[in-house]
Amino acid sequence: MTATDWAEEAIELLRENAARNGLRVRAEVRDWRAPWTETFDLVLAADVLYERRNVEPLLARLRELAPAGYVGLAGRPYEAEFLRAAGDVELVAERVVLLSRAARSSSA
């Protein structure tokens, strides 16, 4: 498993918590707006839409990284815009949507 965040402090906390719980996690500082070379089977993202400028890059990166991704919504202002841009998503639980690489909005 690979866990990422843009903040080094968050990554350090993640590493400490994983170690305390006996989990092996690759934790890295990453930016959604920068290209990544690897791909994954599944992406999990939660509370990642803090700024308007991240809507399109986040959507594009999620679709590049894996064929499917679960996105946890936290009530941030730009989530509705993200969901409109994503097109067809499946609501799988309260405030959790499944984003498929195949699902595209009519503007994509």
C-alpha atoms as a PDB file:
ATOM      1  CA  MET A   1       0.000   0.000   0.000  1.00  0.00           C
ATOM      2  CA  THR A   2       1.174   3.500  -0.806  1.00  0.00           C
ATOM      3  CA  ALA A   3      -0.116   6.496   1.154  1.00  0.00           C
ATOM      4  CA  THR A   4       0.493  10.053   0.028  1.00  0.00           C
ATOM      5  CA  ASP A   5      -0.017  13.613   1.192  1.00  0.00           C
ATOM      6  CA  TRP A   6       1.427  16.954   0.136  1.00  0.00           C
ATOM      7  CA  ALA A   7       2.468  17.775   3.721  1.00  0.00           C
ATOM      8  CA  GLU A   8       5.586  16.189   5.215  1.00  0.00           C
ATOM      9  CA  GLU A   9       4.059  16.479   8.718  1.00  0.00           C
ATOM     10  CA  ALA A  10       1.086  14.347   7.656  1.00  0.00           C
ATOM     11  CA  ILE A  11       3.394  11.717   6.187  1.00  0.00           C
ATOM     12  CA  GLU A  12       5.455  11.555   9.390  1.00  0.00           C
ATOM     13  CA  LEU A  13       2.286  11.116  11.468  1.00  0.00           C
ATOM     14  CA  LEU A  14       1.095   8.409   9.094  1.00  0.00           C
ATOM     15  CA  ARG A  15       4.397   6.541   9.418  1.00  0.00           C
ATOM     16  CA  GLU A  16       4.271   6.759  13.224  1.00  0.00           C
ATOM     17  CA  ASN A  17       0.680   5.498  13.366  1.00  0.00           C
ATOM     18  CA  ALA A  18       1.413   2.656  10.947  1.00  0.00           C
ATOM     19  CA  ALA A  19       4.448   1.579  12.997  1.00  0.00           C
ATOM     20  CA  ARG A  20       2.437   1.683  16.247  1.00  0.00           C
ATOM     21  CA  ASN A  21      -0.140  -0.600  14.655  1.00  0.00           C
ATOM     22  CA  GLY A  22       2.353  -2.988  13.088  1.00  0.00           C
ATOM     23  CA  LEU A  23       1.508  -1.983   9.514  1.00  0.00           C
ATOM     24  CA  ARG A  24       3.920  -1.667   6.639  1.00  0.00           C
ATOM     25  CA  VAL A  25       3.021   1.346   4.527  1.00  0.00           C
ATOM     26  CA  ARG A  26       4.985   3.172   1.868  1.00  0.00           C
ATOM     27  CA  ALA A  27       4.286   6.812   2.709  1.00  0.00           C
ATOM     28  CA  GLU A  28       5.413   9.593   0.401  1.00  0.00           C
ATOM     29  CA  VAL A  29       5.004  13.321  -0.062  1.00  0.00           C
ATOM     30  CA  ARG A  30       3.231  13.759  -3.421  1.00  0.00           C
ATOM     31  CA  ASP A  31       1.345  16.460  -5.286  1.00  0.00           C
ATOM     32  CA  TRP A  32      -1.844  15.611  -7.210  1.00  0.00           C
ATOM     33  CA  ARG A  33      -0.870  18.199  -9.816  1.00  0.00           C
ATOM     34  CA  ALA A  34       2.435  16.506 -10.682  1.00  0.00           C
ATOM     35  CA  PRO A  35       2.622  13.422 -12.916  1.00  0.00           C
ATOM     36  CA  TRP A  36       3.192  10.020 -11.341  1.00  0.00           C
ATOM     37  CA  THR A  37       4.866   7.113 -13.078  1.00  0.00           C
ATOM     38  CA  GLU A  38       3.173   4.217 -11.279  1.00  0.00           C
ATOM     39  CA  THR A  39      -0.362   2.867 -11.422  1.00  0.00           C
ATOM     40  CA  PHE A  40      -2.437   0.996  -8.849  1.00  0.00           C
ATOM     41  CA  ASP A  41      -5.344  -1.423  -8.699  1.00  0.00           C
ATOM     42  CA  LEU A  42      -7.430   0.946  -6.589  1.00  0.00           C
ATOM     43  CA  VAL A  43      -7.167   4.482  -5.222  1.00  0.00           C
ATOM     44  CA  LEU A  44      -8.654   5.717  -1.959  1.00  0.00           C
ATOM     45  CA  ALA A  45      -8.937   9.462  -1.394  1.00  0.00           C
ATOM     46  CA  ALA A  46     -10.555  11.262   1.517  1.00  0.00           C
ATOM     47  CA  ASP A  47     -11.039  14.954   2.244  1.00  0.00           C
ATOM     48  CA  VAL A  48      -8.799  16.038  -0.637  1.00  0.00           C
ATOM     49  CA  LEU A  49     -10.702  18.970  -2.137  1.00  0.00           C
ATOM     50  CA  TYR A  50      -9.476  21.943  -0.132  1.00  0.00           C
ATOM     51  CA  GLU A  51      -8.945  24.298  -3.067  1.00  0.00           C
ATOM     52  CA  ARG A  52     -10.706  25.000  -6.379  1.00  0.00           C
ATOM     53  CA  ARG A  53      -7.424  24.680  -8.270  1.00  0.00           C
ATOM     54  CA  ASN A  54      -7.209  20.993  -7.301  1.00  0.00           C
ATOM     55  CA  VAL A  55     -10.527  19.839  -8.795  1.00  0.00           C
ATOM     56  CA  GLU A  56      -9.376  19.060 -12.346  1.00  0.00           C
ATOM     57  CA  PRO A  57      -5.861  17.829 -11.455  1.00  0.00           C
ATOM     58  CA  LEU A  58      -7.241  15.525  -8.777  1.00  0.00           C
ATOM     59  CA  LEU A  59      -9.853  14.069 -11.107  1.00  0.00           C
ATOM     60  CA  ALA A  60      -7.315  13.536 -13.871  1.00  0.00           C
ATOM     61  CA  ARG A  61      -4.760  11.966 -11.528  1.00  0.00           C
ATOM     62  CA  LEU A  62      -7.284   9.595  -9.949  1.00  0.00           C
ATOM     63  CA  ARG A  63      -8.285   8.358 -13.383  1.00  0.00           C
ATOM     64  CA  GLU A  64      -4.655   7.915 -14.433  1.00  0.00           C
ATOM     65  CA  LEU A  65      -3.622   6.060 -11.287  1.00  0.00           C
ATOM     66  CA  ALA A  66      -6.248   3.293 -11.183  1.00  0.00           C
ATOM     67  CA  PRO A  67      -9.286   1.918 -12.986  1.00  0.00           C
ATOM     68  CA  ALA A  68     -11.416   2.770  -9.923  1.00  0.00           C
ATOM     69  CA  GLY A  69     -11.224   4.960  -6.886  1.00  0.00           C
ATOM     70  CA  TYR A  70     -13.255   5.590  -3.781  1.00  0.00           C
ATOM     71  CA  VAL A  71     -13.496   9.246  -2.809  1.00  0.00           C
ATOM     72  CA  GLY A  72     -14.609  10.210   0.683  1.00  0.00           C
ATOM     73  CA  LEU A  73     -16.353  13.564   0.780  1.00  0.00           C
ATOM     74  CA  ALA A  74     -16.010  15.833   3.812  1.00  0.00           C
ATOM     75  CA  GLY A  75     -18.331  18.692   2.895  1.00  0.00           C
ATOM     76  CA  ARG A  76     -15.679  20.915   1.308  1.00  0.00           C
ATOM     77  CA  PRO A  77     -16.876  23.735  -0.984  1.00  0.00           C
ATOM     78  CA  TYR A  78     -15.486  22.268  -4.220  1.00  0.00           C
ATOM     79  CA  GLU A  79     -16.872  18.743  -3.938  1.00  0.00           C
ATOM     80  CA  ALA A  80     -19.980  19.528  -6.003  1.00  0.00           C
ATOM     81  CA  GLU A  81     -17.798  20.876  -8.796  1.00  0.00           C
ATOM     82  CA  PHE A  82     -15.618  17.760  -8.600  1.00  0.00           C
ATOM     83  CA  LEU A  83     -18.672  15.495  -8.862  1.00  0.00           C
ATOM     84  CA  ARG A  84     -20.050  17.449 -11.844  1.00  0.00           C
ATOM     85  CA  ALA A  85     -16.714  17.156 -13.635  1.00  0.00           C
ATOM     86  CA  ALA A  86     -16.455  13.445 -12.787  1.00  0.00           C
ATOM     87  CA  GLY A  87     -19.698  12.625 -14.588  1.00  0.00           C
ATOM     88  CA  ASP A  88     -21.242   9.321 -13.593  1.00  0.00           C
ATOM     89  CA  VAL A  89     -20.148   8.247 -10.129  1.00  0.00           C
ATOM     90  CA  GLU A  90     -21.731   5.650  -7.885  1.00  0.00           C
ATOM     91  CA  LEU A  91     -22.724   6.588  -4.353  1.00  0.00           C
ATOM     92  CA  VAL A  92     -21.542   3.580  -2.328  1.00  0.00           C
ATOM     93  CA  ALA A  93     -22.031   4.917   1.202  1.00  0.00           C
ATOM     94  CA  GLU A  94     -22.968   8.183   2.813  1.00  0.00           C
ATOM     95  CA  ARG A  95     -20.407  10.685   1.498  1.00  0.00           C
ATOM     96  CA  VAL A  96     -18.406   8.057  -0.421  1.00  0.00           C
ATOM     97  CA  VAL A  97     -18.454   7.791  -4.209  1.00  0.00           C
ATOM     98  CA  LEU A  98     -16.894   5.295  -6.578  1.00  0.00           C
ATOM     99  CA  LEU A  99     -15.130   6.934  -9.485  1.00  0.00           C
ATOM    100  CA  SER A 100     -14.531   4.760 -12.515  1.00  0.00           C
ATOM    101  CA  ARG A 101     -11.902   5.455 -15.136  1.00  0.00           C
ATOM    102  CA  ALA A 102     -14.506   4.605 -17.789  1.00  0.00           C
ATOM    103  CA  ALA A 103     -17.055   7.128 -16.486  1.00  0.00           C
ATOM    104  CA  ARG A 104     -16.525  10.507 -18.085  1.00  0.00           C
ATOM    105  CA  SER A 105     -18.557  13.660 -18.098  1.00  0.00           C
ATOM    106  CA  SER A 106     -19.932  14.944 -21.370  1.00  0.00           C
ATOM    107  CA  SER A 107     -17.306  17.700 -21.279  1.00  0.00           C
ATOM    108  CA  ALA A 108     -14.362  15.290 -20.904  1.00  0.00           C
END
